[in-house]
Protein backbone atom coordinates (compact mmCIF):
# COMPACT_ATOMS: atom_id res chain seq x y z
CA MET A 1 220.74 -89.13 -64.21
CA THR A 2 218.61 -86.91 -61.95
CA ARG A 3 218.68 -87.05 -58.18
CA ARG A 4 215.10 -88.43 -58.20
CA THR A 5 216.04 -91.21 -60.64
CA ALA A 6 219.09 -92.17 -58.60
CA SER A 7 216.99 -92.30 -55.43
CA LEU A 8 214.43 -94.56 -57.07
CA LEU A 9 217.12 -96.95 -58.32
CA LEU A 10 218.75 -97.07 -54.90
CA ALA A 11 215.40 -97.78 -53.25
CA SER A 12 214.81 -100.62 -55.71
CA VAL A 13 218.19 -102.16 -54.92
CA PHE A 14 217.52 -102.00 -51.16
CA SER A 15 214.06 -103.51 -51.71
CA VAL A 16 215.51 -106.53 -53.53
CA MET A 17 218.26 -106.93 -50.93
CA ALA A 18 215.73 -106.87 -48.09
CA ALA A 19 213.59 -109.48 -49.81
CA CYS A 20 216.59 -111.76 -50.32
CA GLN A 21 217.34 -111.51 -46.59
CA SER A 22 213.79 -112.44 -45.58
CA ASN A 23 213.50 -114.98 -42.78
CA GLN A 24 211.27 -117.03 -45.09
CA GLY A 25 214.39 -118.60 -46.59
CA PRO A 26 216.18 -118.37 -49.94
CA VAL A 27 214.50 -117.02 -53.05
CA THR A 28 212.93 -119.81 -55.08
CA ARG A 29 210.56 -120.17 -57.98
CA PRO A 30 206.98 -119.92 -56.69
CA ASP A 31 205.85 -122.89 -58.79
CA GLU A 32 208.29 -125.19 -56.99
CA LEU A 33 208.38 -126.67 -53.50
CA THR A 34 211.80 -126.90 -51.90
CA ALA A 35 213.01 -129.44 -49.36
CA ASP A 36 212.40 -126.80 -46.67
CA ASP A 37 208.79 -126.40 -47.85
CA TRP A 38 208.16 -130.13 -47.63
CA ARG A 39 209.83 -130.35 -44.22
CA TRP A 40 207.77 -127.44 -42.93
CA ALA A 41 204.52 -129.05 -44.10
CA ALA A 42 205.51 -132.40 -42.59
CA ALA A 43 206.33 -130.81 -39.23
CA GLN A 44 202.91 -129.15 -39.20
CA MET A 45 201.24 -132.50 -39.90
CA VAL A 46 203.00 -134.32 -37.07
CA GLN A 47 202.13 -131.47 -34.71
CA GLN A 48 198.45 -131.79 -35.68
CA MET A 49 198.54 -135.55 -35.05
CA ASN A 50 200.05 -135.06 -31.61
CA GLU A 51 197.52 -132.35 -30.70
CA ASN A 52 194.66 -134.59 -31.84
CA GLY A 53 195.96 -137.57 -29.88
CA ILE A 54 195.22 -140.02 -32.71
CA LEU A 55 198.53 -141.84 -32.35
CA ALA A 56 198.06 -142.35 -28.62
CA LYS A 57 194.65 -143.94 -29.27
CA TYR A 58 196.31 -146.73 -31.28
CA ARG A 59 199.08 -147.63 -28.88
CA GLY A 60 199.43 -151.35 -28.09
CA PRO A 61 197.98 -153.09 -25.02
CA ALA A 62 201.31 -152.72 -23.24
CA ASN A 63 201.42 -149.04 -24.30
CA GLU A 64 203.72 -149.76 -27.25
CA PRO A 65 203.92 -147.08 -29.96
CA VAL A 66 201.50 -147.65 -32.84
CA VAL A 67 202.93 -149.29 -35.98
CA VAL A 68 202.40 -147.22 -39.13
CA ALA A 69 202.91 -148.05 -42.80
CA ILE A 70 203.82 -145.09 -45.05
CA GLY A 71 201.84 -144.97 -48.29
CA ASP A 72 201.82 -142.81 -51.37
CA PHE A 73 201.65 -139.00 -51.61
CA GLN A 74 199.71 -138.26 -54.77
CA ASN A 75 200.78 -135.35 -56.93
CA ARG A 76 197.53 -133.66 -57.98
CA THR A 77 199.24 -130.60 -59.42
CA SER A 78 200.39 -129.84 -62.96
CA ASN A 79 204.04 -129.78 -61.82
CA LEU A 80 205.60 -133.15 -62.66
CA ASN A 81 208.60 -132.37 -60.44
CA PHE A 82 206.43 -132.88 -57.37
CA SER A 83 206.20 -136.56 -58.25
CA PHE A 84 209.95 -136.81 -57.62
CA ASN A 85 210.69 -134.44 -54.71
CA ARG A 86 207.62 -135.30 -52.62
CA ARG A 87 209.88 -137.88 -51.00
CA PHE A 88 211.04 -135.05 -48.75
CA MET A 89 207.54 -135.00 -47.29
CA SER A 90 207.30 -138.70 -46.45
CA ASN A 91 210.91 -138.82 -45.20
CA THR A 92 210.28 -135.95 -42.78
CA ILE A 93 206.98 -137.34 -41.49
CA GLU A 94 208.55 -140.78 -41.05
CA THR A 95 211.50 -139.33 -39.12
CA ALA A 96 209.30 -137.12 -36.93
CA LEU A 97 206.91 -139.97 -36.13
CA ILE A 98 209.69 -142.34 -35.08
CA ASN A 99 211.57 -139.71 -33.05
CA SER A 100 208.38 -138.60 -31.28
CA GLY A 101 208.11 -141.99 -29.56
CA GLN A 102 204.43 -142.12 -30.57
CA ALA A 103 204.87 -144.45 -33.55
CA THR A 104 207.14 -146.91 -35.29
CA VAL A 105 207.23 -147.48 -39.06
CA ASN A 106 206.90 -150.89 -40.65
CA MET A 107 209.67 -151.27 -43.24
CA ASP A 108 208.47 -154.48 -44.89
CA ILE A 109 205.76 -152.85 -46.97
CA THR A 110 206.29 -149.10 -46.50
CA GLY A 111 207.52 -146.51 -48.95
CA THR A 112 206.31 -143.72 -51.24
CA GLY A 113 204.76 -145.20 -54.34
CA GLY A 114 202.70 -147.77 -52.47
CA SER A 115 198.96 -147.37 -53.03
CA VAL A 116 196.57 -147.86 -50.13
CA ASP A 117 195.12 -150.96 -51.79
CA GLY A 118 198.61 -152.36 -52.31
CA LEU A 119 199.56 -151.74 -48.70
CA LEU A 120 196.37 -153.35 -47.41
CA LYS A 121 197.14 -156.43 -49.51
CA GLY A 122 200.69 -156.41 -48.19
CA ILE A 123 199.41 -156.25 -44.63
CA GLN A 124 197.09 -159.17 -45.31
CA ASP A 125 200.07 -161.16 -46.58
CA LEU A 126 202.01 -160.27 -43.43
CA ARG A 127 199.33 -161.88 -41.30
CA GLY A 128 200.27 -165.25 -42.74
CA SER A 129 203.97 -164.75 -42.09
CA PRO A 130 205.61 -166.55 -39.15
CA GLN A 131 207.32 -163.28 -38.19
CA TYR A 132 203.95 -161.63 -37.50
CA ASP A 133 201.31 -162.44 -34.94
CA PRO A 134 197.89 -161.98 -36.57
CA THR A 135 195.90 -161.62 -33.37
CA THR A 136 198.06 -160.31 -30.52
CA TYR A 137 201.14 -158.23 -29.76
CA ALA A 138 202.90 -161.23 -28.21
CA GLY A 139 206.50 -160.55 -27.29
CA GLY A 140 209.15 -161.51 -29.80
CA LYS A 141 206.92 -161.17 -32.86
CA ALA A 142 206.65 -158.37 -35.37
CA ARG A 143 203.51 -156.27 -35.17
CA ILE A 144 201.03 -155.68 -37.98
CA PRO A 145 200.66 -151.98 -38.94
CA ALA A 146 197.54 -150.54 -37.32
CA LEU A 147 197.54 -147.41 -39.47
CA ILE A 148 198.44 -146.42 -43.02
CA LEU A 149 199.58 -142.85 -43.58
CA PHE A 150 199.01 -141.44 -47.07
CA GLY A 151 198.24 -138.08 -48.65
CA SER A 152 198.21 -135.69 -51.57
CA VAL A 153 199.36 -132.25 -52.65
CA ASP A 154 197.22 -129.77 -54.61
CA ALA A 155 198.04 -126.38 -56.07
CA ALA A 156 196.26 -123.39 -57.60
CA SER A 157 197.48 -120.03 -58.89
CA VAL A 158 195.88 -116.64 -59.53
CA SER A 159 197.36 -113.53 -61.16
CA GLU A 160 196.49 -109.89 -60.71
CA GLY A 161 198.54 -107.27 -62.48
CA ARG A 162 202.20 -108.01 -61.85
CA ARG A 163 201.51 -110.30 -58.91
CA THR A 164 200.94 -114.04 -59.07
CA GLN A 165 199.95 -116.05 -56.03
CA TYR A 166 200.49 -119.81 -55.78
CA ASP A 167 198.48 -121.63 -53.13
CA TYR A 168 199.44 -125.13 -52.02
CA GLN A 169 197.51 -127.60 -49.92
CA VAL A 170 198.95 -130.77 -48.44
CA ASN A 171 196.47 -133.35 -47.15
CA VAL A 172 197.49 -136.30 -44.98
CA ARG A 173 195.19 -139.08 -43.76
CA LEU A 174 195.47 -142.06 -41.44
CA LEU A 175 193.62 -145.25 -42.36
CA ASP A 176 192.71 -147.92 -39.82
CA THR A 177 193.92 -151.19 -41.34
CA GLN A 178 191.23 -153.22 -39.56
CA THR A 179 188.15 -151.13 -40.40
CA ARG A 180 189.64 -149.68 -43.61
CA THR A 181 188.23 -146.28 -42.72
CA ALA A 182 189.99 -142.92 -42.41
CA VAL A 183 190.33 -142.09 -38.72
CA TRP A 184 192.22 -138.79 -39.03
CA SER A 185 192.78 -136.13 -41.70
CA GLY A 186 195.00 -133.07 -41.61
CA LEU A 187 195.49 -130.10 -43.93
CA VAL A 188 198.36 -127.66 -44.30
CA ASP A 189 197.92 -124.62 -46.56
CA PHE A 190 200.72 -122.28 -47.59
CA THR A 191 201.34 -119.61 -50.17
CA LYS A 192 204.12 -118.33 -52.40
CA ARG A 193 203.91 -115.02 -54.23
CA LEU A 194 205.67 -113.65 -57.29
CA ASN A 195 205.81 -109.84 -57.50
CA ARG A 196 207.24 -108.56 -60.79
CA ALA A 197 207.08 -104.89 -59.78
CA VAL A 198 210.87 -104.58 -59.72
CA ILE A 199 212.77 -107.76 -60.66
CA GLY A 200 210.42 -110.71 -60.43
CA GLN A 201 210.91 -111.09 -56.70
CA ILE A 202 209.33 -114.05 -54.88
CA SER A 203 207.92 -113.85 -51.38
CA HIS A 204 207.36 -117.22 -49.70
CA SER A 205 204.66 -116.79 -47.09
CA PRO A 206 203.52 -120.11 -45.61
CA SER A 207 200.40 -120.12 -43.49
CA SER A 208 198.92 -123.12 -41.71
CA GLY A 209 195.37 -124.00 -42.57
């Protein structure tokens, strides 16, 4: 082995080690979204809602936090695994909303897998329940959800030489349950890259859209 060859091999080893120690987190397959990816996207979404002030607009007459029902997150990618692990997304948004003090989550009809139409029907059924007040926020009665939160995830990939880039987009919307119109929409874009120049190393580089 020549000195030049040894130097090149050593540089390659250090390159891989540096990539593994990146502050972007552990090395993962670029065509997968980890729990950290979903949590990061969810945190961005809640931040956008707070900056927009949409949740504050729907507070109750006594300044109570808005009641939200959590709907489905559609998997519009070719990766079937997203249909299972997208729960990380809704779990994180639900937790962040509740802990922010800006919203509470209705647990009677909420949950990933519920379509918007199904949730609207469920809300209509709640109005006839003795536990819910259909017209006011009278004390001692459960409150009808004012908003439905639902969304989708899309993905696209492009390859050039030994590099493949995977772009992901998470879209979240809030639907007014009275007018049945979308009153807020947020997008989060992030990217993962696969560089096969040395040993198929992945660089996870999220960027907010």
